[in-house]
Amino acid sequence: MPIRGWIEVDELYCKGCDLCVNACPQEVISLDLEHLTPKGYHPAYLSAEGCTGCAICAIVCPEAALTVYREIPAKRVKAAA
């Protein structure tokens, strides 16, 4: 079972700089060209499945606008208990 991850974008901080889009090794982040943030930027969003929760996007984000989550596989949870 592949590791699943997802991101949350804080639109108050995202400036649509595209750094996270270019840094994503899975190529699943895009800028939402149909939506503007309160400050007038096109925010990043998870545009496809395949995020592994590697957090490279959050590391390169100069505004700390991304929060990354990673699903823990059920096998690991049972082994740790």
N, C-alpha and C. Protein backbone atom coordinates (compact mmCIF):
# COMPACT_ATOMS: atom_id res chain seq x y z
N MET A 1 0.83 -1.17 0.00
CA MET A 1 0.00 0.00 0.00
C MET A 1 0.89 1.25 0.00
N PRO A 2 0.73 2.12 -0.98
CA PRO A 2 1.55 3.34 -1.02
C PRO A 2 1.16 4.31 0.09
N ILE A 3 2.12 5.09 0.52
CA ILE A 3 1.87 6.10 1.54
C ILE A 3 1.08 7.24 0.91
N ARG A 4 0.05 7.68 1.62
CA ARG A 4 -0.78 8.78 1.13
C ARG A 4 -0.53 10.02 1.96
N GLY A 5 -0.53 11.14 1.29
CA GLY A 5 -0.38 12.41 1.98
C GLY A 5 -1.30 13.43 1.37
N TRP A 6 -1.40 14.58 2.01
CA TRP A 6 -2.19 15.69 1.47
C TRP A 6 -1.69 16.98 2.09
N ILE A 7 -2.07 18.08 1.47
CA ILE A 7 -1.63 19.38 1.96
C ILE A 7 -2.84 20.26 2.25
N GLU A 8 -2.64 21.20 3.14
CA GLU A 8 -3.59 22.27 3.37
C GLU A 8 -2.84 23.57 3.11
N VAL A 9 -3.48 24.46 2.39
CA VAL A 9 -2.86 25.74 2.03
C VAL A 9 -3.57 26.86 2.78
N ASP A 10 -2.80 27.63 3.53
CA ASP A 10 -3.35 28.80 4.22
C ASP A 10 -3.37 29.96 3.23
N GLU A 11 -4.55 30.28 2.72
CA GLU A 11 -4.67 31.29 1.68
C GLU A 11 -4.32 32.71 2.15
N LEU A 12 -4.25 32.92 3.45
CA LEU A 12 -3.84 34.24 3.94
C LEU A 12 -2.35 34.47 3.72
N TYR A 13 -1.59 33.38 3.56
CA TYR A 13 -0.14 33.49 3.40
C TYR A 13 0.35 33.12 2.01
N CYS A 14 -0.36 32.25 1.30
CA CYS A 14 0.09 31.80 -0.03
C CYS A 14 0.08 32.96 -1.02
N LYS A 15 1.24 33.17 -1.68
CA LYS A 15 1.38 34.24 -2.66
C LYS A 15 1.45 33.71 -4.08
N GLY A 16 1.19 32.41 -4.27
CA GLY A 16 1.21 31.84 -5.60
C GLY A 16 2.57 31.93 -6.27
N CYS A 17 3.63 31.77 -5.50
CA CYS A 17 4.99 31.95 -6.03
C CYS A 17 5.44 30.79 -6.90
N ASP A 18 4.74 29.65 -6.83
CA ASP A 18 5.03 28.50 -7.70
C ASP A 18 6.22 27.66 -7.23
N LEU A 19 6.86 28.02 -6.13
CA LEU A 19 8.00 27.24 -5.66
C LEU A 19 7.60 25.82 -5.26
N CYS A 20 6.46 25.68 -4.60
CA CYS A 20 6.00 24.35 -4.19
C CYS A 20 5.64 23.49 -5.40
N VAL A 21 5.07 24.12 -6.42
CA VAL A 21 4.69 23.40 -7.65
C VAL A 21 5.95 22.83 -8.29
N ASN A 22 6.99 23.63 -8.39
CA ASN A 22 8.23 23.19 -9.03
C ASN A 22 9.00 22.18 -8.17
N ALA A 23 8.85 22.25 -6.86
CA ALA A 23 9.60 21.36 -5.97
C ALA A 23 8.96 20.00 -5.77
N CYS A 24 7.69 19.87 -6.06
CA CYS A 24 6.97 18.62 -5.79
C CYS A 24 7.48 17.48 -6.67
N PRO A 25 8.09 16.45 -6.06
CA PRO A 25 8.61 15.34 -6.86
C PRO A 25 7.51 14.48 -7.49
N GLN A 26 6.31 14.53 -6.93
CA GLN A 26 5.19 13.75 -7.47
C GLN A 26 4.41 14.54 -8.53
N GLU A 27 4.69 15.83 -8.65
CA GLU A 27 4.02 16.72 -9.60
C GLU A 27 2.50 16.72 -9.43
N VAL A 28 2.06 16.88 -8.17
CA VAL A 28 0.63 16.87 -7.87
C VAL A 28 0.12 18.20 -7.32
N ILE A 29 0.96 19.22 -7.29
CA ILE A 29 0.55 20.54 -6.82
C ILE A 29 0.50 21.49 -8.01
N SER A 30 -0.55 22.30 -8.05
CA SER A 30 -0.70 23.30 -9.11
C SER A 30 -1.20 24.59 -8.49
N LEU A 31 -1.19 25.64 -9.28
CA LEU A 31 -1.80 26.89 -8.85
C LEU A 31 -3.24 26.90 -9.36
N ASP A 32 -4.15 27.33 -8.51
CA ASP A 32 -5.57 27.39 -8.87
C ASP A 32 -5.82 28.70 -9.61
N LEU A 33 -5.82 28.61 -10.93
CA LEU A 33 -5.96 29.81 -11.76
C LEU A 33 -7.39 30.32 -11.84
N GLU A 34 -8.32 29.60 -11.24
CA GLU A 34 -9.72 30.03 -11.23
C GLU A 34 -10.15 30.64 -9.90
N HIS A 35 -9.21 30.76 -8.99
CA HIS A 35 -9.53 31.24 -7.64
C HIS A 35 -8.46 32.24 -7.20
N LEU A 36 -8.87 33.27 -6.48
CA LEU A 36 -7.94 34.24 -5.92
C LEU A 36 -8.04 34.25 -4.41
N THR A 37 -6.91 34.44 -3.75
CA THR A 37 -6.89 34.57 -2.30
C THR A 37 -7.38 35.96 -1.94
N PRO A 38 -7.62 36.23 -0.65
CA PRO A 38 -8.04 37.59 -0.25
C PRO A 38 -7.03 38.67 -0.65
N LYS A 39 -5.77 38.27 -0.84
CA LYS A 39 -4.75 39.25 -1.24
C LYS A 39 -4.57 39.31 -2.75
N GLY A 40 -5.33 38.51 -3.51
CA GLY A 40 -5.30 38.59 -4.96
C GLY A 40 -4.33 37.66 -5.66
N TYR A 41 -3.89 36.60 -4.99
CA TYR A 41 -2.97 35.63 -5.59
C TYR A 41 -3.71 34.35 -5.95
N HIS A 42 -3.17 33.62 -6.92
CA HIS A 42 -3.68 32.29 -7.24
C HIS A 42 -3.00 31.30 -6.30
N PRO A 43 -3.75 30.65 -5.40
CA PRO A 43 -3.13 29.78 -4.40
C PRO A 43 -2.76 28.40 -4.95
N ALA A 44 -1.85 27.76 -4.28
CA ALA A 44 -1.49 26.38 -4.60
C ALA A 44 -2.60 25.46 -4.10
N TYR A 45 -2.71 24.30 -4.74
CA TYR A 45 -3.65 23.28 -4.27
C TYR A 45 -3.20 21.92 -4.77
N LEU A 46 -3.69 20.88 -4.16
CA LEU A 46 -3.37 19.51 -4.54
C LEU A 46 -4.25 19.17 -5.74
N SER A 47 -3.65 19.10 -6.92
CA SER A 47 -4.41 18.96 -8.16
C SER A 47 -4.58 17.53 -8.64
N ALA A 48 -3.90 16.59 -8.01
CA ALA A 48 -4.00 15.19 -8.43
C ALA A 48 -3.67 14.29 -7.24
N GLU A 49 -4.02 13.04 -7.36
CA GLU A 49 -3.65 12.05 -6.34
C GLU A 49 -2.20 11.66 -6.53
N GLY A 50 -1.60 11.19 -5.48
CA GLY A 50 -0.21 10.75 -5.57
C GLY A 50 0.70 11.42 -4.56
N CYS A 51 0.16 12.34 -3.77
CA CYS A 51 0.97 12.99 -2.74
C CYS A 51 1.41 11.94 -1.72
N THR A 52 2.70 11.96 -1.38
CA THR A 52 3.24 11.02 -0.40
C THR A 52 3.48 11.68 0.96
N GLY A 53 3.23 12.97 1.05
CA GLY A 53 3.45 13.67 2.32
C GLY A 53 4.92 13.90 2.60
N CYS A 54 5.74 14.02 1.56
CA CYS A 54 7.19 14.18 1.75
C CYS A 54 7.55 15.53 2.37
N ALA A 55 6.68 16.53 2.25
CA ALA A 55 6.83 17.86 2.84
C ALA A 55 7.88 18.74 2.18
N ILE A 56 8.37 18.38 1.03
CA ILE A 56 9.31 19.24 0.32
C ILE A 56 8.65 20.57 -0.01
N CYS A 57 7.38 20.53 -0.37
CA CYS A 57 6.65 21.77 -0.69
C CYS A 57 6.64 22.73 0.50
N ALA A 58 6.40 22.20 1.68
CA ALA A 58 6.36 23.04 2.88
C ALA A 58 7.74 23.60 3.22
N ILE A 59 8.77 22.83 2.94
CA ILE A 59 10.13 23.28 3.24
C ILE A 59 10.52 24.45 2.35
N VAL A 60 10.14 24.41 1.07
CA VAL A 60 10.54 25.48 0.15
C VAL A 60 9.62 26.69 0.20
N CYS A 61 8.47 26.58 0.85
CA CYS A 61 7.52 27.69 0.90
C CYS A 61 8.07 28.83 1.76
N PRO A 62 8.33 29.99 1.16
CA PRO A 62 8.90 31.09 1.93
C PRO A 62 7.92 31.72 2.92
N GLU A 63 6.64 31.47 2.75
CA GLU A 63 5.63 32.06 3.61
C GLU A 63 5.07 31.08 4.65
N ALA A 64 5.56 29.84 4.66
CA ALA A 64 5.05 28.80 5.57
C ALA A 64 3.54 28.66 5.44
N ALA A 65 3.07 28.65 4.21
CA ALA A 65 1.63 28.60 3.94
C ALA A 65 1.10 27.18 3.82
N LEU A 66 1.98 26.19 3.80
CA LEU A 66 1.56 24.81 3.59
C LEU A 66 1.70 23.97 4.86
N THR A 67 0.70 23.17 5.11
CA THR A 67 0.76 22.15 6.16
C THR A 67 0.61 20.82 5.46
N VAL A 68 1.51 19.89 5.75
CA VAL A 68 1.52 18.59 5.08
C VAL A 68 1.12 17.52 6.08
N TYR A 69 0.27 16.62 5.61
CA TYR A 69 -0.18 15.49 6.42
C TYR A 69 0.20 14.20 5.72
N ARG A 70 0.49 13.18 6.51
CA ARG A 70 0.84 11.87 5.96
C ARG A 70 0.05 10.81 6.70
N GLU A 71 -0.61 9.96 5.92
CA GLU A 71 -1.38 8.86 6.48
C GLU A 71 -0.43 7.74 6.89
N ILE A 72 -0.59 7.24 8.10
CA ILE A 72 0.24 6.15 8.59
C ILE A 72 -0.41 4.84 8.16
N PRO A 73 0.33 3.98 7.44
CA PRO A 73 -0.24 2.70 7.03
C PRO A 73 -0.69 1.86 8.23
N ALA A 74 -1.78 1.14 8.07
CA ALA A 74 -2.35 0.34 9.15
C ALA A 74 -1.36 -0.68 9.69
N LYS A 75 -0.50 -1.22 8.87
CA LYS A 75 0.49 -2.21 9.30
C LYS A 75 1.42 -1.62 10.35
N ARG A 76 1.84 -0.39 10.16
CA ARG A 76 2.74 0.26 11.13
C ARG A 76 2.05 0.54 12.45
N VAL A 77 0.79 0.92 12.40
CA VAL A 77 0.04 1.23 13.62
C VAL A 77 -0.10 -0.04 14.46
N LYS A 78 -0.41 -1.16 13.85
CA LYS A 78 -0.57 -2.43 14.58
C LYS A 78 0.77 -2.90 15.13
N ALA A 79 1.86 -2.72 14.39
CA ALA A 79 3.18 -3.16 14.85
C ALA A 79 3.65 -2.34 16.04
N ALA A 80 3.31 -1.08 16.09
CA ALA A 80 3.76 -0.20 17.17
C ALA A 80 2.98 -0.45 18.46
N ALA A 81 1.81 -1.02 18.38
CA ALA A 81 0.98 -1.22 19.57
C ALA A 81 1.40 -2.37 20.42
